[in-house]
PDB file of N, CA and C in Angstrom:
ATOM      1  N   MET A   1       0.692  -1.057   0.054  1.00  0.00           N
ATOM      2  CA  MET A   1       0.190   0.080   0.085  1.00  0.00           C
ATOM      3  C   MET A   1       1.062   1.591   0.310  1.00  0.00           C
ATOM      4  N   ASP A   2       0.163   2.093  -1.065  1.00  0.00           N
ATOM      5  CA  ASP A   2       1.046   3.120  -1.246  1.00  0.00           C
ATOM      6  C   ASP A   2       1.399   4.609   0.117  1.00  0.00           C
ATOM      7  N   GLN A   3       2.242   5.119   0.590  1.00  0.00           N
ATOM      8  CA  GLN A   3       2.089   6.257   1.337  1.00  0.00           C
ATOM      9  C   GLN A   3       0.901   7.223   1.352  1.00  0.00           C
ATOM     10  N   ASP A   4       0.817   7.459   0.096  1.00  0.00           N
ATOM     11  CA  ASP A   4      -0.350   9.041   0.422  1.00  0.00           C
ATOM     12  C   ASP A   4      -2.144   7.142   0.667  1.00  0.00           C
ATOM     13  N   THR A   5      -2.338   6.157   0.010  1.00  0.00           N
ATOM     14  CA  THR A   5      -3.691   5.675   0.286  1.00  0.00           C
ATOM     15  C   THR A   5      -3.006   5.826   2.615  1.00  0.00           C
ATOM     16  N   LEU A   6      -2.578   5.181   2.385  1.00  0.00           N
ATOM     17  CA  LEU A   6      -1.843   5.166   3.573  1.00  0.00           C
ATOM     18  C   LEU A   6      -2.652   6.257   5.258  1.00  0.00           C
ATOM     19  N   LYS A   7      -1.832   7.616   3.952  1.00  0.00           N
ATOM     20  CA  LYS A   7      -2.228   8.530   5.104  1.00  0.00           C
ATOM     21  C   LYS A   7      -3.598   8.713   4.720  1.00  0.00           C
ATOM     22  N   GLN A   8      -4.470   8.838   3.968  1.00  0.00           N
ATOM     23  CA  GLN A   8      -6.056   8.806   3.668  1.00  0.00           C
ATOM     24  C   GLN A   8      -6.818   8.155   3.994  1.00  0.00           C
ATOM     25  N   LEU A   9      -5.853   6.495   4.899  1.00  0.00           N
ATOM     26  CA  LEU A   9      -6.624   6.469   5.498  1.00  0.00           C
ATOM     27  C   LEU A   9      -7.249   6.552   7.323  1.00  0.00           C
ATOM     28  N   GLU A  10      -5.462   7.384   7.506  1.00  0.00           N
ATOM     29  CA  GLU A  10      -5.144   8.177   8.758  1.00  0.00           C
ATOM     30  C   GLU A  10      -6.051   8.961   8.944  1.00  0.00           C
ATOM     31  N   LYS A  11      -6.247   9.376   7.032  1.00  0.00           N
ATOM     32  CA  LYS A  11      -6.698  11.478   8.203  1.00  0.00           C
ATOM     33  C   LYS A  11      -9.010  10.745   8.040  1.00  0.00           C
ATOM     34  N   ASP A  12      -9.097   9.415   7.104  1.00  0.00           N
ATOM     35  CA  ASP A  12     -10.235   9.334   7.453  1.00  0.00           C
ATOM     36  C   ASP A  12     -10.196   9.067   9.040  1.00  0.00           C
ATOM     37  N   VAL A  13      -9.239   8.315   9.668  1.00  0.00           N
ATOM     38  CA  VAL A  13     -10.686   7.062  11.114  1.00  0.00           C
ATOM     39  C   VAL A  13     -10.021   8.964  11.517  1.00  0.00           C
ATOM     40  N   LYS A  14      -9.240   9.703  11.776  1.00  0.00           N
ATOM     41  CA  LYS A  14      -9.065  10.959  12.423  1.00  0.00           C
ATOM     42  C   LYS A  14     -10.765  11.596  13.062  1.00  0.00           C
ATOM     43  N   LYS A  15     -11.215  11.768  11.366  1.00  0.00           N
ATOM     44  CA  LYS A  15     -12.786  12.579  10.971  1.00  0.00           C
ATOM     45  C   LYS A  15     -13.371  11.517  11.643  1.00  0.00           C
ATOM     46  N   THR A  16     -14.126  10.647  11.380  1.00  0.00           N
ATOM     47  CA  THR A  16     -14.623   9.791  11.368  1.00  0.00           C
ATOM     48  C   THR A  16     -14.770   9.970  13.341  1.00  0.00           C
ATOM     49  N   LYS A  17     -13.077  10.115  13.837  1.00  0.00           N
ATOM     50  CA  LYS A  17     -13.420  10.063  15.422  1.00  0.00           C
ATOM     51  C   LYS A  17     -14.071  10.878  15.818  1.00  0.00           C
ATOM     52  N   ARG A  18     -13.398  12.333  15.189  1.00  0.00           N
ATOM     53  CA  ARG A  18     -13.744  13.659  15.362  1.00  0.00           C
ATOM     54  C   ARG A  18     -15.483  13.537  15.255  1.00  0.00           C
ATOM     55  N   LEU A  19     -15.994  13.490  14.301  1.00  0.00           N
ATOM     56  CA  LEU A  19     -17.483  12.792  14.120  1.00  0.00           C
ATOM     57  C   LEU A  19     -18.107  12.673  15.353  1.00  0.00           C
ATOM     58  N   ALA A  20     -17.879  11.385  15.658  1.00  0.00           N
ATOM     59  CA  ALA A  20     -18.386  10.579  16.305  1.00  0.00           C
ATOM     60  C   ALA A  20     -18.096  10.964  18.410  1.00  0.00           C
ATOM     61  N   GLY A  21     -17.046  11.595  18.493  1.00  0.00           N
ATOM     62  CA  GLY A  21     -17.118  12.588  19.285  1.00  0.00           C
ATOM     63  C   GLY A  21     -18.439  14.036  20.259  1.00  0.00           C
ATOM     64  N   GLU A  22     -18.552  14.248  18.734  1.00  0.00           N
ATOM     65  CA  GLU A  22     -18.912  15.104  18.799  1.00  0.00           C
ATOM     66  C   GLU A  22     -20.389  14.572  18.938  1.00  0.00           C
ATOM     67  N   ALA A  23     -21.043  13.117  18.273  1.00  0.00           N
ATOM     68  CA  ALA A  23     -21.927  12.918  18.193  1.00  0.00           C
ATOM     69  C   ALA A  23     -22.414  12.510  19.693  1.00  0.00           C
ATOM     70  N   ALA A  24     -21.857  12.181  20.635  1.00  0.00           N
ATOM     71  CA  ALA A  24     -20.863  11.663  21.213  1.00  0.00           C
ATOM     72  C   ALA A  24     -21.551  12.709  22.823  1.00  0.00           C
ATOM     73  N   MET A  25     -20.916  14.092  22.341  1.00  0.00           N
ATOM     74  CA  MET A  25     -21.009  15.819  23.473  1.00  0.00           C
ATOM     75  C   MET A  25     -22.806  15.501  22.555  1.00  0.00           C
ATOM     76  N   GLU A  26     -23.357  15.772  21.607  1.00  0.00           N
ATOM     77  CA  GLU A  26     -24.408  16.164  21.887  1.00  0.00           C
ATOM     78  C   GLU A  26     -25.800  14.974  22.928  1.00  0.00           C
ATOM     79  N   LEU A  27     -25.646  13.674  22.081  1.00  0.00           N
ATOM     80  CA  LEU A  27     -25.978  12.289  23.569  1.00  0.00           C
ATOM     81  C   LEU A  27     -26.117  13.193  24.728  1.00  0.00           C
ATOM     82  N   HIS A  28     -24.749  13.502  25.373  1.00  0.00           N
ATOM     83  CA  HIS A  28     -23.295  13.748  26.731  1.00  0.00           C
ATOM     84  C   HIS A  28     -25.032  14.849  26.746  1.00  0.00           C
ATOM     85  N   ASP A  29     -25.812  16.094  26.143  1.00  0.00           N
ATOM     86  CA  ASP A  29     -26.080  17.124  26.334  1.00  0.00           C
ATOM     87  C   ASP A  29     -27.868  16.584  26.601  1.00  0.00           C
ATOM     88  N   LEU A  30     -28.218  15.839  25.326  1.00  0.00           N
ATOM     89  CA  LEU A  30     -29.504  15.539  25.755  1.00  0.00           C
ATOM     90  C   LEU A  30     -29.766  14.876  27.268  1.00  0.00           C
ATOM     91  N   ILE A  31     -28.240  14.110  27.789  1.00  0.00           N
ATOM     92  CA  ILE A  31     -29.059  13.142  28.815  1.00  0.00           C
ATOM     93  C   ILE A  31     -29.162  14.435  30.278  1.00  0.00           C
ATOM     94  N   GLU A  32     -27.256  15.310  29.952  1.00  0.00           N
ATOM     95  CA  GLU A  32     -27.114  15.360  31.143  1.00  0.00           C
ATOM     96  C   GLU A  32     -28.730  17.550  31.448  1.00  0.00           C
ATOM     97  N   ASP A  33     -28.431  17.986  29.837  1.00  0.00           N
ATOM     98  CA  ASP A  33     -28.757  19.067  30.091  1.00  0.00           C
ATOM     99  C   ASP A  33     -30.964  18.897  29.596  1.00  0.00           C
ATOM    100  N   ARG A  34     -31.394  18.317  28.789  1.00  0.00           N
ATOM    101  CA  ARG A  34     -32.306  18.148  28.463  1.00  0.00           C
ATOM    102  C   ARG A  34     -33.895  17.255  28.823  1.00  0.00           C
ATOM    103  N   LEU A  35     -32.650  16.093  29.369  1.00  0.00           N
ATOM    104  CA  LEU A  35     -34.274  14.533  30.040  1.00  0.00           C
ATOM    105  C   LEU A  35     -34.843  15.478  31.668  1.00  0.00           C
ATOM    106  N   PRO A  36     -35.773  14.994  31.522  1.00  0.00           N
ATOM    107  CA  PRO A  36     -36.664  14.152  30.452  1.00  0.00           C
ATOM    108  C   PRO A  36     -37.860  14.572  29.474  1.00  0.00           C
ATOM    109  N   ASP A  37     -37.405  16.435  29.227  1.00  0.00           N
ATOM    110  CA  ASP A  37     -38.214  16.175  28.555  1.00  0.00           C
ATOM    111  C   ASP A  37     -38.145  16.059  26.639  1.00  0.00           C
ATOM    112  N   ALA A  38     -37.153  16.095  26.677  1.00  0.00           N
ATOM    113  CA  ALA A  38     -36.214  15.779  25.598  1.00  0.00           C
ATOM    114  C   ALA A  38     -36.287  14.683  24.993  1.00  0.00           C
ATOM    115  N   TYR A  39     -37.025  13.558  25.810  1.00  0.00           N
ATOM    116  CA  TYR A  39     -36.848  12.130  25.759  1.00  0.00           C
ATOM    117  C   TYR A  39     -37.205  11.620  24.238  1.00  0.00           C
ATOM    118  N   LEU A  40     -37.739  12.023  23.296  1.00  0.00           N
ATOM    119  CA  LEU A  40     -38.322  11.869  22.810  1.00  0.00           C
ATOM    120  C   LEU A  40     -36.870  12.029  21.561  1.00  0.00           C
ATOM    121  N   GLU A  41     -36.420  12.444  21.696  1.00  0.00           N
ATOM    122  CA  GLU A  41     -34.980  12.953  20.978  1.00  0.00           C
ATOM    123  C   GLU A  41     -34.358  11.710  21.317  1.00  0.00           C
ATOM    124  N   LEU A  42     -34.136  10.890  22.189  1.00  0.00           N
ATOM    125  CA  LEU A  42     -32.771  10.228  22.829  1.00  0.00           C
ATOM    126  C   LEU A  42     -32.390   8.975  21.944  1.00  0.00           C
ATOM    127  N   MET A  43     -33.554   8.860  21.314  1.00  0.00           N
ATOM    128  CA  MET A  43     -33.203   7.080  20.299  1.00  0.00           C
ATOM    129  C   MET A  43     -32.686   8.066  19.219  1.00  0.00           C
ATOM    130  N   ALA A  44     -33.136   8.789  18.350  1.00  0.00           N
ATOM    131  CA  ALA A  44     -32.872   9.162  17.439  1.00  0.00           C
ATOM    132  C   ALA A  44     -31.408   9.747  17.771  1.00  0.00           C
ATOM    133  N   THR A  45     -30.648  10.209  18.943  1.00  0.00           N
ATOM    134  CA  THR A  45     -29.731  10.821  19.245  1.00  0.00           C
ATOM    135  C   THR A  45     -28.374   9.191  18.951  1.00  0.00           C
ATOM    136  N   ALA A  46     -29.016   8.929  20.270  1.00  0.00           N
ATOM    137  CA  ALA A  46     -28.255   7.616  20.865  1.00  0.00           C
ATOM    138  C   ALA A  46     -27.921   6.902  19.084  1.00  0.00           C
ATOM    139  N   GLN A  47     -29.200   6.725  18.132  1.00  0.00           N
ATOM    140  CA  GLN A  47     -28.826   5.837  16.471  1.00  0.00           C
ATOM    141  C   GLN A  47     -27.719   6.507  16.365  1.00  0.00           C
ATOM    142  N   LYS A  48     -27.398   8.263  16.018  1.00  0.00           N
ATOM    143  CA  LYS A  48     -26.976   8.528  15.219  1.00  0.00           C
ATOM    144  C   LYS A  48     -25.024   8.177  16.596  1.00  0.00           C
ATOM    145  N   THR A  49     -24.934   8.376  17.255  1.00  0.00           N
ATOM    146  CA  THR A  49     -23.959   8.281  18.158  1.00  0.00           C
ATOM    147  C   THR A  49     -23.577   6.908  17.820  1.00  0.00           C
ATOM    148  N   PHE A  50     -24.473   6.140  18.134  1.00  0.00           N
ATOM    149  CA  PHE A  50     -23.543   4.331  17.470  1.00  0.00           C
ATOM    150  C   PHE A  50     -23.977   4.468  15.968  1.00  0.00           C
ATOM    151  N   ASP A  51     -24.341   4.838  14.933  1.00  0.00           N
ATOM    152  CA  ASP A  51     -23.852   5.046  14.066  1.00  0.00           C
ATOM    153  C   ASP A  51     -21.800   5.783  13.317  1.00  0.00           C
ATOM    154  N   ALA A  52     -22.169   6.635  14.335  1.00  0.00           N
ATOM    155  CA  ALA A  52     -20.878   7.651  14.397  1.00  0.00           C
ATOM    156  C   ALA A  52     -19.681   6.518  14.544  1.00  0.00           C
ATOM    157  N   CYS A  53     -20.044   6.561  15.902  1.00  0.00           N
ATOM    158  CA  CYS A  53     -19.127   4.939  16.707  1.00  0.00           C
ATOM    159  C   CYS A  53     -18.704   4.040  15.260  1.00  0.00           C
ATOM    160  N   GLN A  54     -19.628   3.424  15.195  1.00  0.00           N
ATOM    161  CA  GLN A  54     -19.716   2.506  14.527  1.00  0.00           C
ATOM    162  C   GLN A  54     -18.739   2.361  12.546  1.00  0.00           C
ATOM    163  N   ALA A  55     -18.361   4.163  12.357  1.00  0.00           N
ATOM    164  CA  ALA A  55     -17.945   4.142  11.352  1.00  0.00           C
ATOM    165  C   ALA A  55     -16.741   4.324  11.654  1.00  0.00           C
ATOM    166  N   TRP A  56     -16.204   5.408  12.695  1.00  0.00           N
ATOM    167  CA  TRP A  56     -14.936   5.935  13.308  1.00  0.00           C
ATOM    168  C   TRP A  56     -14.023   3.813  13.406  1.00  0.00           C
ATOM    169  N   ASP A  57     -14.925   3.413  14.203  1.00  0.00           N
ATOM    170  CA  ASP A  57     -14.543   1.066  14.196  1.00  0.00           C
ATOM    171  C   ASP A  57     -14.468   1.131  12.770  1.00  0.00           C
ATOM    172  N   GLN A  58     -15.538   1.297  11.732  1.00  0.00           N
ATOM    173  CA  GLN A  58     -15.089   0.437  10.695  1.00  0.00           C
ATOM    174  C   GLN A  58     -13.624   1.071   9.841  1.00  0.00           C
ATOM    175  N   ALA A  59     -13.518   2.881  10.695  1.00  0.00           N
ATOM    176  CA  ALA A  59     -12.719   3.632   9.561  1.00  0.00           C
ATOM    177  C   ALA A  59     -11.122   2.775  10.058  1.00  0.00           C
ATOM    178  N   ASN A  60     -11.030   2.881  11.483  1.00  0.00           N
ATOM    179  CA  ASN A  60     -10.016   2.519  12.284  1.00  0.00           C
ATOM    180  C   ASN A  60      -9.229   1.225  11.979  1.00  0.00           C
ATOM    181  N   GLN A  61     -10.486   0.283  12.070  1.00  0.00           N
ATOM    182  CA  GLN A  61     -10.102  -1.227  11.370  1.00  0.00           C
ATOM    183  C   GLN A  61      -9.526  -1.186  10.294  1.00  0.00           C
ATOM    184  N   LYS A  62      -9.585  -0.696   9.047  1.00  0.00           N
ATOM    185  CA  LYS A  62      -9.109  -0.493   7.406  1.00  0.00           C
ATOM    186  C   LYS A  62      -7.627   0.171   7.587  1.00  0.00           C
ATOM    187  N   PHE A  63      -7.278   1.246   8.406  1.00  0.00           N
ATOM    188  CA  PHE A  63      -5.759   1.608   9.105  1.00  0.00           C
ATOM    189  C   PHE A  63      -5.615   0.747   8.940  1.00  0.00           C
ATOM    190  N   GLN A  64      -5.912  -0.384  10.530  1.00  0.00           N
ATOM    191  CA  GLN A  64      -4.498  -0.609  11.064  1.00  0.00           C
ATOM    192  C   GLN A  64      -4.632  -1.467   9.927  1.00  0.00           C
ATOM    193  N   ALA A  65      -5.563  -2.083   9.316  1.00  0.00           N
ATOM    194  CA  ALA A  65      -5.051  -3.271   7.557  1.00  0.00           C
ATOM    195  C   ALA A  65      -3.969  -2.911   7.248  1.00  0.00           C
ATOM    196  N   ALA A  66      -4.358  -1.644   6.743  1.00  0.00           N
ATOM    197  CA  ALA A  66      -3.399  -1.354   5.467  1.00  0.00           C
ATOM    198  C   ALA A  66      -2.243  -1.361   6.438  1.00  0.00           C
ATOM    199  N   SER A  67      -2.053  -0.479   7.657  1.00  0.00           N
ATOM    200  CA  SER A  67      -0.647   0.059   8.661  1.00  0.00           C
ATOM    201  C   SER A  67       0.530  -2.432   8.997  1.00  0.00           C
ATOM    202  N   ARG A  68      -0.752  -2.807   9.261  1.00  0.00           N
ATOM    203  CA  ARG A  68       0.257  -3.942   9.183  1.00  0.00           C
ATOM    204  C   ARG A  68       0.831  -5.092   7.618  1.00  0.00           C
ATOM    205  N   ALA A  69       0.125  -4.283   6.850  1.00  0.00           N
ATOM    206  CA  ALA A  69       0.135  -4.965   5.320  1.00  0.00           C
ATOM    207  C   ALA A  69       1.113  -4.126   4.596  1.00  0.00           C
ATOM    208  N   THR A  70       1.557  -3.300   6.054  1.00  0.00           N
ATOM    209  CA  THR A  70       2.928  -1.721   4.879  1.00  0.00           C
ATOM    210  C   THR A  70       3.840  -2.529   5.685  1.00  0.00           C
ATOM    211  N   VAL A  71       3.970  -2.469   6.715  1.00  0.00           N
ATOM    212  CA  VAL A  71       5.005  -2.979   7.530  1.00  0.00           C
ATOM    213  C   VAL A  71       5.641  -4.376   7.539  1.00  0.00           C
TER     214      VAL A  71
END
C-alpha cells in the first residue's frame, strides 16, 4: 500500500473519530441538560452516536489492516 493511501486512511480515522466525539457530546448534552423533557429525541440521538462510532470503528480497522500490511 502506498503512503498516500495510508495517509488518507489515517485522515479518515481522525475525521470519523471527531464526528463520533461530536455525536457523543450531543448525546451527553441531551442526557445531562434536556431529559426528561426531550425524551423523544433520545433514540434518534443515540442511533446517530452509534452510527458515528461504528463508522469510526470501520475506518480504524481499515487503517490498522493497511498499516500492518505495509510493515
